[in-house]
Amino acid sequence: MDGCQDHVVLSLGNSLMRDADVDQELRMREVGHSDKSVNDRYTHPLEEAHLAAAEQVAALVRKAGGES
């Protein structure tokens, strides 16, 4: 893999581990981060984003169906 792909894989892995409630210290060791602020910057909570998107879609469907 090239550097960009490595970054994407590590960021995705870090984010999935966060969604699985893996301790931040363990995640940091796995992805090679020595600082929590760096680890936070490369953690993208996927589950929360997907749940929020699903709720937004559901609200649109309810509105289209005449519910409030």
Protein backbone atom coordinates (compact mmCIF):
# COMPACT_ATOMS: atom_id res chain seq x y z
CA MET A 1 0.00 0.00 0.00
CA ASP A 2 1.07 3.57 -0.52
CA GLY A 3 1.16 6.17 2.27
CA CYS A 4 -2.34 7.46 1.57
CA GLN A 5 -3.87 3.98 1.68
CA ASP A 6 -1.97 3.22 4.90
CA HIS A 7 -3.40 6.37 6.46
CA VAL A 8 -6.96 5.49 5.40
CA VAL A 9 -6.67 1.94 6.75
CA LEU A 10 -5.23 3.13 10.09
CA SER A 11 -7.86 5.86 10.44
CA LEU A 12 -10.66 3.44 9.62
CA GLY A 13 -9.29 0.84 12.02
CA ASN A 14 -8.95 3.44 14.76
CA SER A 15 -12.52 4.63 14.17
CA LEU A 16 -13.95 1.11 14.16
CA MET A 17 -12.11 0.30 17.39
CA ARG A 18 -13.55 3.47 18.95
CA ASP A 19 -17.07 2.45 17.90
CA ALA A 20 -16.39 -0.95 19.52
CA ASP A 21 -15.44 0.83 22.78
CA VAL A 22 -11.78 -0.20 22.62
CA ASP A 23 -9.77 1.81 25.15
CA GLN A 24 -7.99 4.81 23.64
CA GLU A 25 -4.60 3.78 25.01
CA LEU A 26 -4.87 0.43 23.22
CA ARG A 27 -6.06 2.11 20.01
CA MET A 28 -3.10 4.49 20.20
CA ARG A 29 -0.65 1.59 20.50
CA GLU A 30 -2.28 -0.25 17.59
CA VAL A 31 -2.11 2.71 15.19
CA GLY A 32 1.20 4.15 16.43
CA HIS A 33 -0.02 7.37 18.02
CA SER A 34 1.84 8.68 21.06
CA ASP A 35 -0.43 11.64 21.75
CA LYS A 36 -4.17 11.61 22.54
CA SER A 37 -4.80 14.78 20.54
CA VAL A 38 -3.37 13.10 17.42
CA ASN A 39 -5.46 10.00 18.03
CA ASP A 40 -8.57 12.16 18.52
CA ARG A 41 -7.90 13.94 15.22
CA TYR A 42 -7.80 10.62 13.36
CA THR A 43 -10.83 9.12 15.06
CA HIS A 44 -14.04 9.52 13.10
CA PRO A 45 -17.02 8.01 14.96
CA LEU A 46 -18.64 6.10 12.13
CA GLU A 47 -21.50 4.57 14.12
CA GLU A 48 -22.68 7.95 15.40
CA ALA A 49 -22.53 9.47 11.93
CA HIS A 50 -24.48 6.60 10.39
CA LEU A 51 -27.13 6.71 13.13
CA ALA A 52 -27.52 10.46 12.70
CA ALA A 53 -27.84 10.08 8.93
CA ALA A 54 -30.43 7.31 9.35
CA GLU A 55 -32.48 9.51 11.69
CA GLN A 56 -32.35 12.39 9.20
CA VAL A 57 -33.60 10.11 6.44
CA ALA A 58 -36.35 8.72 8.69
CA ALA A 59 -37.48 12.26 9.53
CA LEU A 60 -37.72 13.08 5.82
CA VAL A 61 -39.75 9.91 5.19
CA ARG A 62 -42.09 10.73 8.09
CA LYS A 63 -42.52 14.28 6.77
CA ALA A 64 -43.23 13.02 3.26
CA GLY A 65 -45.81 10.62 4.69
CA GLY A 66 -47.60 13.41 6.55
CA GLU A 67 -46.27 12.63 10.05
CA SER A 68 -44.53 15.24 12.14
